Amino acid sequence: MRHEIVLSLNGLEQTIQIISETFKNRMVWKIKFKSGEEAVLFKYMDVWMQRNEDNLDHRTIAAIGNQIDHMNLNIPAA
């Protein structure tokens, strides 16, 4: 499933693409930024995490994870 969201951090807005996939029986979300950078996020219990090779800061991971949680629950994101 593909989604596009507008992420607003530090006063900057950027559109990112989120693609949900399954990897080794785990649900993961591939994040594509307009700059061409990619990251893969997954949720372990209640904590959003990223692959070791991705370099997103914790605030960005939490903001994207919050958007994914709202999409999955079909409730509007704040």
Protein backbone atom coordinates (compact mmCIF):
# COMPACT_ATOMS: atom_id res chain seq x y z
CA MET A 1 0.00 0.00 0.00
CA ARG A 2 1.35 3.45 -0.92
CA HIS A 3 0.66 6.72 0.85
CA GLU A 4 1.99 10.23 0.54
CA ILE A 5 2.06 12.51 3.55
CA VAL A 6 3.36 15.97 4.30
CA LEU A 7 5.79 15.89 7.19
CA SER A 8 6.37 19.14 9.06
CA LEU A 9 9.46 19.34 11.26
CA ASN A 10 11.48 22.37 12.35
CA GLY A 11 9.21 24.63 10.32
CA LEU A 12 10.02 22.77 7.11
CA GLU A 13 7.46 20.77 5.19
CA GLN A 14 8.29 17.94 2.87
CA THR A 15 6.22 15.35 1.08
CA ILE A 16 7.32 11.79 1.67
CA GLN A 17 6.09 8.53 0.19
CA ILE A 18 5.36 5.59 2.48
CA ILE A 19 5.16 2.06 1.10
CA SER A 20 4.13 -0.79 3.38
CA GLU A 21 5.77 -4.14 2.74
CA THR A 22 6.44 -7.43 4.47
CA PHE A 23 10.05 -8.43 5.13
CA LYS A 24 10.82 -11.76 6.82
CA ASN A 25 7.27 -11.99 8.19
CA ARG A 26 7.52 -8.47 9.68
CA MET A 27 5.57 -5.43 8.53
CA VAL A 28 7.94 -2.65 7.45
CA TRP A 29 7.43 0.77 5.88
CA LYS A 30 9.79 2.05 3.21
CA ILE A 31 10.07 5.83 3.39
CA LYS A 32 11.11 7.78 0.28
CA PHE A 33 12.04 11.44 0.55
CA LYS A 34 11.99 13.88 -2.38
CA SER A 35 15.78 14.17 -2.09
CA GLY A 36 16.01 10.50 -3.10
CA GLU A 37 16.95 9.28 0.37
CA GLU A 38 15.21 6.15 1.61
CA ALA A 39 14.74 4.62 5.03
CA VAL A 40 12.95 1.56 6.36
CA LEU A 41 10.95 1.80 9.57
CA PHE A 42 9.38 -0.92 11.65
CA LYS A 43 7.56 -0.99 14.95
CA TYR A 44 8.78 -3.09 17.85
CA MET A 45 6.13 -3.16 20.55
CA ASP A 46 5.27 0.57 20.91
CA VAL A 47 8.58 1.95 19.60
CA TRP A 48 9.30 2.96 16.01
CA MET A 49 12.76 1.91 14.85
CA GLN A 50 14.87 2.13 11.70
CA ARG A 51 17.43 -0.07 9.96
CA ASN A 52 21.00 0.26 11.19
CA GLU A 53 22.11 1.93 7.96
CA ASP A 54 19.43 4.65 8.04
CA ASN A 55 20.32 7.92 9.73
CA LEU A 56 17.03 9.53 10.71
CA ASP A 57 16.92 11.36 14.02
CA HIS A 58 14.56 10.14 16.74
CA ARG A 59 12.16 13.06 16.30
CA THR A 60 11.73 12.32 12.58
CA ILE A 61 11.21 8.61 13.23
CA ALA A 62 8.57 9.39 15.87
CA ALA A 63 6.77 11.89 13.59
CA ILE A 64 6.64 9.47 10.65
CA GLY A 65 5.63 6.60 12.94
CA ASN A 66 2.82 8.70 14.37
CA GLN A 67 1.53 9.36 10.85
CA ILE A 68 1.69 5.64 10.02
CA ASP A 69 -0.16 4.77 13.23
CA HIS A 70 -2.93 7.23 12.31
CA MET A 71 -3.15 5.85 8.76
CA ASN A 72 -3.41 2.28 10.04
CA LEU A 73 -6.13 3.23 12.52
CA ASN A 74 -7.99 5.32 9.93
CA ILE A 75 -8.05 8.35 12.20
CA PRO A 76 -6.93 11.80 11.07
CA ALA A 77 -3.37 12.74 11.97
CA ALA A 78 -2.88 15.88 14.06
